N, C-alpha and C. Protein backbone atom coordinates (compact mmCIF):
# COMPACT_ATOMS: atom_id res chain seq x y z
N UNK A 1 15.09 181.29 -74.91
CA UNK A 1 15.13 182.43 -74.01
C UNK A 1 14.03 182.24 -72.96
N UNK A 2 14.39 182.51 -71.74
CA UNK A 2 13.45 182.39 -70.64
C UNK A 2 12.53 183.63 -70.61
N UNK A 3 11.29 183.45 -70.16
CA UNK A 3 10.37 184.59 -70.11
C UNK A 3 10.88 185.73 -69.22
N UNK A 4 11.47 185.40 -68.09
CA UNK A 4 11.95 186.47 -67.22
C UNK A 4 13.10 187.24 -67.86
N UNK A 5 13.92 186.61 -68.69
CA UNK A 5 14.96 187.30 -69.44
C UNK A 5 14.34 188.27 -70.45
N UNK A 6 13.37 187.76 -71.22
CA UNK A 6 12.71 188.57 -72.24
C UNK A 6 12.02 189.77 -71.62
N UNK A 7 11.23 189.53 -70.59
CA UNK A 7 10.51 190.63 -69.96
C UNK A 7 11.45 191.59 -69.22
N UNK A 8 12.58 191.12 -68.75
CA UNK A 8 13.59 191.99 -68.13
C UNK A 8 14.16 192.96 -69.15
N UNK A 9 14.47 192.42 -70.35
CA UNK A 9 14.98 193.27 -71.43
C UNK A 9 13.91 194.27 -71.84
N UNK A 10 12.69 193.80 -71.97
CA UNK A 10 11.56 194.65 -72.35
C UNK A 10 11.35 195.75 -71.31
N UNK A 11 11.44 195.40 -70.02
CA UNK A 11 11.27 196.38 -68.94
C UNK A 11 12.39 197.43 -68.99
N UNK A 12 13.61 196.98 -69.21
CA UNK A 12 14.74 197.91 -69.32
C UNK A 12 14.53 198.88 -70.48
N UNK A 13 14.06 198.36 -71.61
CA UNK A 13 13.78 199.22 -72.77
C UNK A 13 12.72 200.26 -72.44
N UNK A 14 11.63 199.86 -71.80
CA UNK A 14 10.57 200.79 -71.46
C UNK A 14 11.04 201.87 -70.49
N UNK A 15 11.86 201.50 -69.52
CA UNK A 15 12.40 202.48 -68.59
C UNK A 15 13.30 203.48 -69.31
N UNK A 16 14.16 202.98 -70.19
CA UNK A 16 15.05 203.85 -70.95
C UNK A 16 14.25 204.78 -71.86
N UNK A 17 13.21 204.25 -72.47
CA UNK A 17 12.35 205.04 -73.35
C UNK A 17 11.67 206.16 -72.57
N UNK A 18 11.15 205.84 -71.40
CA UNK A 18 10.48 206.82 -70.55
C UNK A 18 11.46 207.91 -70.12
N UNK A 19 12.67 207.52 -69.73
CA UNK A 19 13.68 208.50 -69.33
C UNK A 19 14.05 209.41 -70.50
N UNK A 20 14.21 208.85 -71.69
CA UNK A 20 14.56 209.65 -72.87
C UNK A 20 13.44 210.63 -73.20
N UNK A 21 12.21 210.17 -73.10
CA UNK A 21 11.06 211.04 -73.37
C UNK A 21 11.02 212.19 -72.36
N UNK A 22 11.27 211.90 -71.11
CA UNK A 22 11.28 212.93 -70.07
C UNK A 22 12.41 213.92 -70.29
N UNK A 23 13.59 213.42 -70.69
CA UNK A 23 14.72 214.30 -70.98
C UNK A 23 14.39 215.26 -72.12
N UNK A 24 13.77 214.75 -73.16
CA UNK A 24 13.39 215.60 -74.29
C UNK A 24 12.38 216.67 -73.86
N UNK A 25 11.44 216.29 -73.05
CA UNK A 25 10.43 217.24 -72.56
C UNK A 25 11.09 218.32 -71.70
N UNK A 26 12.03 217.92 -70.84
CA UNK A 26 12.74 218.89 -70.00
C UNK A 26 13.57 219.85 -70.85
N UNK A 27 14.23 219.34 -71.87
CA UNK A 27 15.03 220.18 -72.75
C UNK A 27 14.14 221.16 -73.50
N UNK A 28 12.97 220.72 -73.95
CA UNK A 28 12.03 221.60 -74.65
C UNK A 28 11.55 222.72 -73.73
N UNK A 29 11.18 222.36 -72.50
CA UNK A 29 10.73 223.37 -71.54
C UNK A 29 11.83 224.37 -71.23
N UNK A 30 13.05 223.89 -71.06
CA UNK A 30 14.17 224.76 -70.77
C UNK A 30 14.42 225.73 -71.92
N UNK A 31 14.35 225.22 -73.15
CA UNK A 31 14.56 226.06 -74.32
C UNK A 31 13.46 227.13 -74.42
N UNK A 32 12.21 226.75 -74.19
CA UNK A 32 11.11 227.71 -74.23
C UNK A 32 11.28 228.78 -73.15
N UNK A 33 11.70 228.37 -71.97
CA UNK A 33 11.91 229.31 -70.87
C UNK A 33 13.02 230.29 -71.21
N UNK A 34 14.10 229.80 -71.79
CA UNK A 34 15.21 230.68 -72.18
C UNK A 34 14.76 231.67 -73.25
N UNK A 35 13.98 231.21 -74.21
CA UNK A 35 13.47 232.10 -75.26
C UNK A 35 12.54 233.16 -74.68
N UNK A 36 11.67 232.74 -73.78
CA UNK A 36 10.75 233.68 -73.14
C UNK A 36 11.52 234.72 -72.32
N UNK A 37 12.50 234.26 -71.59
CA UNK A 37 13.30 235.17 -70.77
C UNK A 37 14.07 236.16 -71.65
N UNK A 38 14.60 235.68 -72.77
CA UNK A 38 15.33 236.56 -73.68
C UNK A 38 14.40 237.63 -74.27
N UNK A 39 13.17 237.23 -74.63
CA UNK A 39 12.20 238.19 -75.15
C UNK A 39 11.84 239.23 -74.09
N UNK A 40 11.64 238.77 -72.85
CA UNK A 40 11.28 239.69 -71.77
C UNK A 40 12.43 240.66 -71.49
N UNK A 41 13.66 240.16 -71.51
CA UNK A 41 14.81 241.04 -71.28
C UNK A 41 14.92 242.08 -72.39
N UNK A 42 14.69 241.66 -73.62
CA UNK A 42 14.75 242.59 -74.75
C UNK A 42 13.66 243.66 -74.61
N UNK A 43 12.45 243.25 -74.25
CA UNK A 43 11.36 244.21 -74.06
C UNK A 43 11.68 245.17 -72.92
N UNK A 44 12.21 244.64 -71.83
CA UNK A 44 12.55 245.47 -70.68
C UNK A 44 13.65 246.46 -71.04
N UNK A 45 14.63 245.99 -71.77
CA UNK A 45 15.72 246.87 -72.19
C UNK A 45 15.19 247.99 -73.09
N UNK A 46 14.32 247.64 -74.00
CA UNK A 46 13.71 248.62 -74.89
C UNK A 46 12.89 249.63 -74.10
N UNK A 47 12.13 249.15 -73.14
CA UNK A 47 11.29 250.03 -72.33
C UNK A 47 12.16 250.98 -71.50
N UNK A 48 13.23 250.46 -70.93
CA UNK A 48 14.12 251.31 -70.14
C UNK A 48 14.75 252.40 -71.02
N UNK A 49 15.12 252.00 -72.23
CA UNK A 49 15.70 252.97 -73.16
C UNK A 49 14.69 254.08 -73.49
N UNK A 50 13.44 253.71 -73.71
CA UNK A 50 12.40 254.70 -73.98
C UNK A 50 12.21 255.63 -72.79
N UNK A 51 12.21 255.06 -71.58
CA UNK A 51 12.05 255.87 -70.38
C UNK A 51 13.21 256.85 -70.23
N UNK A 52 14.43 256.39 -70.52
CA UNK A 52 15.59 257.26 -70.43
C UNK A 52 15.48 258.41 -71.43
N UNK A 53 15.03 258.09 -72.63
CA UNK A 53 14.86 259.14 -73.64
C UNK A 53 13.81 260.16 -73.18
N UNK A 54 12.71 259.66 -72.63
CA UNK A 54 11.66 260.56 -72.16
C UNK A 54 12.15 261.43 -71.01
N UNK A 55 12.92 260.86 -70.10
CA UNK A 55 13.44 261.63 -68.98
C UNK A 55 14.41 262.70 -69.47
N UNK A 56 15.22 262.35 -70.45
CA UNK A 56 16.15 263.34 -70.99
C UNK A 56 15.39 264.46 -71.68
N UNK A 57 14.32 264.10 -72.37
CA UNK A 57 13.53 265.11 -73.08
C UNK A 57 12.80 266.02 -72.09
N UNK A 58 12.24 265.47 -71.06
CA UNK A 58 11.48 266.26 -70.08
C UNK A 58 12.37 266.87 -69.02
N UNK A 59 13.48 266.23 -68.73
CA UNK A 59 14.32 266.69 -67.62
C UNK A 59 13.87 266.00 -66.36
N UNK A 60 14.78 265.74 -65.47
CA UNK A 60 14.39 265.04 -64.25
C UNK A 60 13.84 266.02 -63.22
N UNK A 61 12.84 265.57 -62.51
CA UNK A 61 12.24 266.41 -61.47
C UNK A 61 12.39 265.73 -60.12
N UNK A 62 12.24 266.49 -59.08
CA UNK A 62 12.42 265.98 -57.72
C UNK A 62 11.32 264.98 -57.37
N UNK A 63 10.13 265.16 -57.88
CA UNK A 63 9.02 264.29 -57.53
C UNK A 63 9.20 262.88 -58.08
N UNK A 64 9.99 262.70 -59.12
CA UNK A 64 10.21 261.38 -59.70
C UNK A 64 11.13 260.51 -58.85
N UNK A 65 11.92 261.12 -57.98
CA UNK A 65 12.86 260.36 -57.17
C UNK A 65 12.16 259.43 -56.20
N UNK A 66 11.02 259.78 -55.68
CA UNK A 66 10.30 258.97 -54.71
C UNK A 66 9.69 257.73 -55.31
N UNK A 67 9.47 257.68 -56.62
CA UNK A 67 8.83 256.54 -57.26
C UNK A 67 9.79 255.43 -57.63
N UNK A 68 11.04 255.48 -57.20
CA UNK A 68 12.05 254.49 -57.57
C UNK A 68 11.71 253.09 -57.09
N UNK A 69 11.20 252.95 -55.88
CA UNK A 69 10.87 251.64 -55.35
C UNK A 69 9.75 250.99 -56.16
N UNK A 70 8.75 251.76 -56.49
CA UNK A 70 7.64 251.22 -57.26
C UNK A 70 8.11 250.78 -58.64
N UNK A 71 8.94 251.60 -59.28
CA UNK A 71 9.48 251.24 -60.59
C UNK A 71 10.32 249.98 -60.52
N UNK A 72 11.10 249.81 -59.44
CA UNK A 72 11.90 248.60 -59.26
C UNK A 72 11.01 247.38 -59.16
N UNK A 73 9.92 247.49 -58.42
CA UNK A 73 9.01 246.36 -58.27
C UNK A 73 8.33 246.01 -59.59
N UNK A 74 7.91 247.02 -60.33
CA UNK A 74 7.25 246.79 -61.62
C UNK A 74 8.23 246.15 -62.59
N UNK A 75 9.46 246.63 -62.63
CA UNK A 75 10.44 246.05 -63.55
C UNK A 75 10.78 244.62 -63.13
N UNK A 76 10.79 244.34 -61.83
CA UNK A 76 11.04 242.97 -61.37
C UNK A 76 9.91 242.04 -61.80
N UNK A 77 8.69 242.53 -61.76
CA UNK A 77 7.56 241.73 -62.22
C UNK A 77 7.65 241.45 -63.71
N UNK A 78 8.00 242.49 -64.47
CA UNK A 78 8.07 242.34 -65.92
C UNK A 78 9.22 241.44 -66.35
N UNK A 79 10.33 241.51 -65.67
CA UNK A 79 11.48 240.71 -66.06
C UNK A 79 11.37 239.27 -65.56
N UNK A 80 10.46 239.02 -64.62
CA UNK A 80 10.29 237.66 -64.12
C UNK A 80 11.17 237.36 -62.92
N UNK A 81 11.90 238.32 -62.41
CA UNK A 81 12.76 238.09 -61.26
C UNK A 81 11.96 237.63 -60.05
N UNK A 82 10.74 238.06 -59.95
CA UNK A 82 9.91 237.69 -58.82
C UNK A 82 9.61 236.20 -58.83
N UNK A 83 9.54 235.62 -60.03
CA UNK A 83 9.15 234.23 -60.16
C UNK A 83 10.32 233.28 -60.21
N UNK A 84 11.55 233.81 -60.20
CA UNK A 84 12.73 232.95 -60.20
C UNK A 84 12.83 232.23 -58.87
N UNK A 85 13.51 231.08 -58.90
CA UNK A 85 13.71 230.34 -57.66
C UNK A 85 14.64 231.12 -56.74
N UNK A 86 15.61 231.85 -57.30
CA UNK A 86 16.55 232.63 -56.51
C UNK A 86 16.09 234.08 -56.47
N UNK A 87 15.55 234.49 -55.36
CA UNK A 87 15.01 235.84 -55.22
C UNK A 87 16.01 236.79 -54.59
N UNK A 88 17.28 236.39 -54.55
CA UNK A 88 18.28 237.21 -53.88
C UNK A 88 18.44 238.57 -54.53
N UNK A 89 18.29 238.67 -55.86
CA UNK A 89 18.43 239.95 -56.54
C UNK A 89 17.35 240.91 -56.06
N UNK A 90 16.12 240.44 -56.03
CA UNK A 90 15.01 241.29 -55.62
C UNK A 90 15.14 241.68 -54.16
N UNK A 91 15.54 240.73 -53.32
CA UNK A 91 15.69 241.02 -51.90
C UNK A 91 16.80 242.04 -51.70
N UNK A 92 17.86 241.93 -52.48
CA UNK A 92 18.96 242.87 -52.40
C UNK A 92 18.48 244.28 -52.76
N UNK A 93 17.68 244.37 -53.84
CA UNK A 93 17.15 245.66 -54.26
C UNK A 93 16.23 246.24 -53.20
N UNK A 94 15.43 245.40 -52.58
CA UNK A 94 14.52 245.88 -51.54
C UNK A 94 15.32 246.40 -50.34
N UNK A 95 16.38 245.66 -49.98
CA UNK A 95 17.18 246.10 -48.84
C UNK A 95 17.81 247.44 -49.12
N UNK A 96 18.32 247.62 -50.35
CA UNK A 96 18.93 248.89 -50.71
C UNK A 96 17.89 250.01 -50.63
N UNK A 97 16.73 249.75 -51.21
CA UNK A 97 15.67 250.76 -51.19
C UNK A 97 15.23 251.03 -49.76
N UNK A 98 15.11 249.97 -48.97
CA UNK A 98 14.71 250.12 -47.57
C UNK A 98 15.71 250.91 -46.77
N UNK A 99 16.99 250.63 -47.00
CA UNK A 99 18.03 251.37 -46.29
C UNK A 99 18.02 252.84 -46.66
N UNK A 100 17.80 253.13 -47.93
CA UNK A 100 17.76 254.51 -48.37
C UNK A 100 16.58 255.24 -47.74
N UNK A 101 15.43 254.58 -47.71
CA UNK A 101 14.26 255.23 -47.13
C UNK A 101 14.42 255.39 -45.63
N UNK A 102 15.09 254.43 -44.96
CA UNK A 102 15.32 254.57 -43.54
C UNK A 102 16.27 255.73 -43.25
N UNK A 103 17.30 255.83 -44.07
CA UNK A 103 18.24 256.92 -43.87
C UNK A 103 17.56 258.27 -44.05
N UNK A 104 16.75 258.38 -45.08
CA UNK A 104 16.07 259.66 -45.31
C UNK A 104 15.06 259.93 -44.22
N UNK A 105 14.38 258.88 -43.74
CA UNK A 105 13.40 259.11 -42.68
C UNK A 105 14.11 259.50 -41.39
N UNK A 106 15.28 258.94 -41.14
CA UNK A 106 16.05 259.33 -39.95
C UNK A 106 16.47 260.79 -40.06
N UNK A 107 16.93 261.15 -41.25
CA UNK A 107 17.35 262.53 -41.45
C UNK A 107 16.17 263.48 -41.23
N UNK A 108 15.05 263.11 -41.74
CA UNK A 108 13.88 263.96 -41.59
C UNK A 108 13.48 264.08 -40.12
N UNK A 109 13.54 262.96 -39.41
CA UNK A 109 13.17 262.96 -38.00
C UNK A 109 14.12 263.86 -37.22
N UNK A 110 15.40 263.73 -37.49
CA UNK A 110 16.39 264.55 -36.78
C UNK A 110 16.18 266.01 -37.11
N UNK A 111 15.93 266.31 -38.39
CA UNK A 111 15.74 267.71 -38.75
C UNK A 111 14.46 268.27 -38.10
N UNK A 112 13.46 267.44 -37.92
CA UNK A 112 12.24 267.92 -37.27
C UNK A 112 12.51 268.17 -35.78
N UNK A 113 13.35 267.33 -35.18
CA UNK A 113 13.67 267.55 -33.77
C UNK A 113 14.51 268.80 -33.57
N UNK A 114 15.36 269.09 -34.53
CA UNK A 114 16.20 270.27 -34.42
C UNK A 114 15.39 271.55 -34.50
N UNK A 115 14.30 271.54 -35.18
CA UNK A 115 13.48 272.73 -35.34
C UNK A 115 12.56 272.81 -34.17
């Protein structure tokens, strides 16, 4: 066997070994991320359920309606949506909240002009 043949085979083996090791590491990270996300979703779901129970017990008040945007941002932070590569969900929520606040501010402005 020629040295260049032997070392070629050895080089191919090392490259394959490195790729396999990297694949295993990527799979481990992906599995950990999925587990972490599942735990966060479960915690968020539990927290939302508690909040719903508390709201039902206390009754909803008008002052709580204004805090919706802040609650959306906090829940996005807790669920990890802010850190996802695809931020379209959060941007969509912001646009909805922004449109609602613009509509209400327009209504308020018009009502102030009418008076």
